[in-house]
Amino acid sequence: MLWWIKSGQVKEQQEIGKRLARDISTVPRWLQKYRTDGMSGLLEIKKGLSQTPCTTTLFDFWRDILHELSLRTRPYLLQDIKALFPVIFALGGEAVTAKVARAIEDVGQWWR
């Protein structure tokens, strides 16, 4: 969602709602949450995201979130990943969440 806005792919909030299969009142609420509380505030809405059907749209949204996460510092990134685990599980199930946990452990070895 944020990537679509920043890259100019989306001009109107209604288009975001269509792409994410959400009511048009949801997008302004998400954007306001992002403006006031940043990425961590946006991630508090994880329950809704984890219940979004696994479609190309959800995977596109996930790609956008990964881009935003890549801009975060390590402590915030780890908090964000923790908050996103319901979405990760919705996208890939238990096997994927286990792989993500192992990848975090592997990267953690680099930081020691």
C-alpha atoms as a PDB file:
ATOM      1  CA  MET A   1       0.000   0.000   0.000  1.00  0.00           C
ATOM      2  CA  LEU A   2       2.716   2.470   0.985  1.00  0.00           C
ATOM      3  CA  TRP A   3       4.849   1.475  -1.981  1.00  0.00           C
ATOM      4  CA  TRP A   4       1.941   1.969  -4.370  1.00  0.00           C
ATOM      5  CA  ILE A   5       1.434   5.486  -3.003  1.00  0.00           C
ATOM      6  CA  LYS A   6       5.122   6.436  -2.952  1.00  0.00           C
ATOM      7  CA  SER A   7       5.777   5.055  -6.422  1.00  0.00           C
ATOM      8  CA  GLY A   8       2.731   6.813  -7.884  1.00  0.00           C
ATOM      9  CA  GLN A   9       1.071   3.566  -8.944  1.00  0.00           C
ATOM     10  CA  VAL A  10      -2.038   4.568  -7.020  1.00  0.00           C
ATOM     11  CA  LYS A  11      -3.518   8.045  -6.967  1.00  0.00           C
ATOM     12  CA  GLU A  12      -6.712   7.423  -4.992  1.00  0.00           C
ATOM     13  CA  GLN A  13      -7.399   5.557  -1.788  1.00  0.00           C
ATOM     14  CA  GLN A  14     -10.304   3.784  -3.470  1.00  0.00           C
ATOM     15  CA  GLU A  15      -7.838   2.045  -5.790  1.00  0.00           C
ATOM     16  CA  ILE A  16      -5.903   0.706  -2.794  1.00  0.00           C
ATOM     17  CA  GLY A  17      -9.157  -0.615  -1.343  1.00  0.00           C
ATOM     18  CA  LYS A  18      -9.912  -2.395  -4.616  1.00  0.00           C
ATOM     19  CA  ARG A  19      -6.420  -3.882  -4.857  1.00  0.00           C
ATOM     20  CA  LEU A  20      -6.569  -5.180  -1.288  1.00  0.00           C
ATOM     21  CA  ALA A  21     -10.222  -6.211  -1.449  1.00  0.00           C
ATOM     22  CA  ARG A  22     -11.050  -3.899   1.456  1.00  0.00           C
ATOM     23  CA  ASP A  23     -13.834  -1.446   2.114  1.00  0.00           C
ATOM     24  CA  ILE A  24     -12.880   2.084   1.097  1.00  0.00           C
ATOM     25  CA  SER A  25     -13.198   3.241   4.730  1.00  0.00           C
ATOM     26  CA  THR A  26     -10.371   0.883   5.754  1.00  0.00           C
ATOM     27  CA  VAL A  27      -7.597   2.536   3.731  1.00  0.00           C
ATOM     28  CA  PRO A  28      -7.898   6.036   5.285  1.00  0.00           C
ATOM     29  CA  ARG A  29      -7.905   4.414   8.722  1.00  0.00           C
ATOM     30  CA  TRP A  30      -4.695   2.508   7.903  1.00  0.00           C
ATOM     31  CA  LEU A  31      -3.042   5.629   6.499  1.00  0.00           C
ATOM     32  CA  GLN A  32      -3.981   7.673   9.566  1.00  0.00           C
ATOM     33  CA  LYS A  33      -2.572   4.937  11.787  1.00  0.00           C
ATOM     34  CA  TYR A  34       0.653   5.038   9.774  1.00  0.00           C
ATOM     35  CA  ARG A  35       0.875   8.841  10.019  1.00  0.00           C
ATOM     36  CA  THR A  36       0.376   8.909  13.781  1.00  0.00           C
ATOM     37  CA  ASP A  37       2.189   5.728  14.867  1.00  0.00           C
ATOM     38  CA  GLY A  38       4.484   4.818  11.971  1.00  0.00           C
ATOM     39  CA  MET A  39       5.037   1.295  10.735  1.00  0.00           C
ATOM     40  CA  SER A  40       4.485  -0.241  14.178  1.00  0.00           C
ATOM     41  CA  GLY A  41       1.042   1.368  14.306  1.00  0.00           C
ATOM     42  CA  LEU A  42       0.189   0.033  10.896  1.00  0.00           C
ATOM     43  CA  LEU A  43       1.290  -3.436  11.923  1.00  0.00           C
ATOM     44  CA  GLU A  44      -1.103  -3.414  14.881  1.00  0.00           C
ATOM     45  CA  ILE A  45      -3.791  -4.026  12.280  1.00  0.00           C
ATOM     46  CA  LYS A  46      -2.181  -7.409  11.592  1.00  0.00           C
ATOM     47  CA  LYS A  47      -5.317  -9.363  12.482  1.00  0.00           C
ATOM     48  CA  GLY A  48      -7.137  -7.986   9.458  1.00  0.00           C
ATOM     49  CA  LEU A  49      -4.168  -8.570   7.180  1.00  0.00           C
ATOM     50  CA  SER A  50      -3.771 -12.159   8.354  1.00  0.00           C
ATOM     51  CA  GLN A  51      -7.398 -12.814   7.454  1.00  0.00           C
ATOM     52  CA  THR A  52      -7.074 -11.447   3.915  1.00  0.00           C
ATOM     53  CA  PRO A  53      -7.460 -14.283   1.375  1.00  0.00           C
ATOM     54  CA  CYS A  54      -4.142 -15.479  -0.089  1.00  0.00           C
ATOM     55  CA  THR A  55      -4.330 -13.836  -3.471  1.00  0.00           C
ATOM     56  CA  THR A  56      -1.895 -12.120  -5.761  1.00  0.00           C
ATOM     57  CA  THR A  57      -2.986  -8.893  -4.101  1.00  0.00           C
ATOM     58  CA  LEU A  58      -1.925 -10.096  -0.672  1.00  0.00           C
ATOM     59  CA  PHE A  59       1.436 -11.195  -2.051  1.00  0.00           C
ATOM     60  CA  ASP A  60       1.838  -7.770  -3.702  1.00  0.00           C
ATOM     61  CA  PHE A  61       1.023  -6.140  -0.384  1.00  0.00           C
ATOM     62  CA  TRP A  62       3.565  -8.414   1.311  1.00  0.00           C
ATOM     63  CA  ARG A  63       6.224  -7.323  -1.185  1.00  0.00           C
ATOM     64  CA  ASP A  64       5.485  -3.710  -0.303  1.00  0.00           C
ATOM     65  CA  ILE A  65       5.724  -4.438   3.415  1.00  0.00           C
ATOM     66  CA  LEU A  66       9.074  -6.172   2.897  1.00  0.00           C
ATOM     67  CA  HIS A  67      10.366  -3.071   1.159  1.00  0.00           C
ATOM     68  CA  GLU A  68       9.278  -0.878   4.068  1.00  0.00           C
ATOM     69  CA  LEU A  69      10.820  -3.322   6.547  1.00  0.00           C
ATOM     70  CA  SER A  70      14.125  -3.162   4.703  1.00  0.00           C
ATOM     71  CA  LEU A  71      14.344   0.502   5.694  1.00  0.00           C
ATOM     72  CA  ARG A  72      14.000  -0.247   9.416  1.00  0.00           C
ATOM     73  CA  THR A  73      16.761  -0.547  11.982  1.00  0.00           C
ATOM     74  CA  ARG A  74      17.389  -3.951  13.550  1.00  0.00           C
ATOM     75  CA  PRO A  75      15.430  -3.517  16.828  1.00  0.00           C
ATOM     76  CA  TYR A  76      12.373  -2.165  15.024  1.00  0.00           C
ATOM     77  CA  LEU A  77      12.633  -4.776  12.300  1.00  0.00           C
ATOM     78  CA  LEU A  78      12.510  -7.602  14.836  1.00  0.00           C
ATOM     79  CA  GLN A  79       9.440  -6.054  16.503  1.00  0.00           C
ATOM     80  CA  ASP A  80       7.782  -5.698  13.110  1.00  0.00           C
ATOM     81  CA  ILE A  81       8.493  -9.298  12.142  1.00  0.00           C
ATOM     82  CA  LYS A  82       7.014 -10.460  15.435  1.00  0.00           C
ATOM     83  CA  ALA A  83       3.885  -8.397  14.750  1.00  0.00           C
ATOM     84  CA  LEU A  84       3.678  -9.784  11.206  1.00  0.00           C
ATOM     85  CA  PHE A  85       3.849 -13.465  12.146  1.00  0.00           C
ATOM     86  CA  PRO A  86       0.058 -13.948  11.747  1.00  0.00           C
ATOM     87  CA  VAL A  87       0.352 -12.620   8.181  1.00  0.00           C
ATOM     88  CA  ILE A  88       3.421 -14.773   7.489  1.00  0.00           C
ATOM     89  CA  PHE A  89       1.492 -17.792   8.747  1.00  0.00           C
ATOM     90  CA  ALA A  90      -1.526 -16.884   6.586  1.00  0.00           C
ATOM     91  CA  LEU A  91       0.699 -16.664   3.514  1.00  0.00           C
ATOM     92  CA  GLY A  92       2.775 -19.797   4.014  1.00  0.00           C
ATOM     93  CA  GLY A  93       1.688 -21.820   6.996  1.00  0.00           C
ATOM     94  CA  GLU A  94       3.784 -23.395   9.705  1.00  0.00           C
ATOM     95  CA  ALA A  95       6.643 -24.429   7.413  1.00  0.00           C
ATOM     96  CA  VAL A  96       7.238 -20.845   6.275  1.00  0.00           C
ATOM     97  CA  THR A  97       7.088 -19.416   9.790  1.00  0.00           C
ATOM     98  CA  ALA A  98       9.698 -21.986  10.856  1.00  0.00           C
ATOM     99  CA  LYS A  99      11.923 -20.943   7.919  1.00  0.00           C
ATOM    100  CA  VAL A 100      11.569 -17.273   8.862  1.00  0.00           C
ATOM    101  CA  ALA A 101      12.537 -18.075  12.463  1.00  0.00           C
ATOM    102  CA  ARG A 102      15.612 -19.998  11.254  1.00  0.00           C
ATOM    103  CA  ALA A 103      16.575 -17.133   8.927  1.00  0.00           C
ATOM    104  CA  ILE A 104      16.336 -14.667  11.826  1.00  0.00           C
ATOM    105  CA  GLU A 105      18.594 -16.927  13.902  1.00  0.00           C
ATOM    106  CA  ASP A 106      21.074 -17.167  11.013  1.00  0.00           C
ATOM    107  CA  VAL A 107      21.204 -13.410  10.546  1.00  0.00           C
ATOM    108  CA  GLY A 108      21.500 -12.996  14.315  1.00  0.00           C
ATOM    109  CA  GLN A 109      24.765 -14.936  14.106  1.00  0.00           C
ATOM    110  CA  TRP A 110      26.177 -12.211  11.836  1.00  0.00           C
ATOM    111  CA  TRP A 111      25.447  -9.538  14.437  1.00  0.00           C
ATOM    112  CA  ARG A 112      27.330 -11.217  17.296  1.00  0.00           C
END
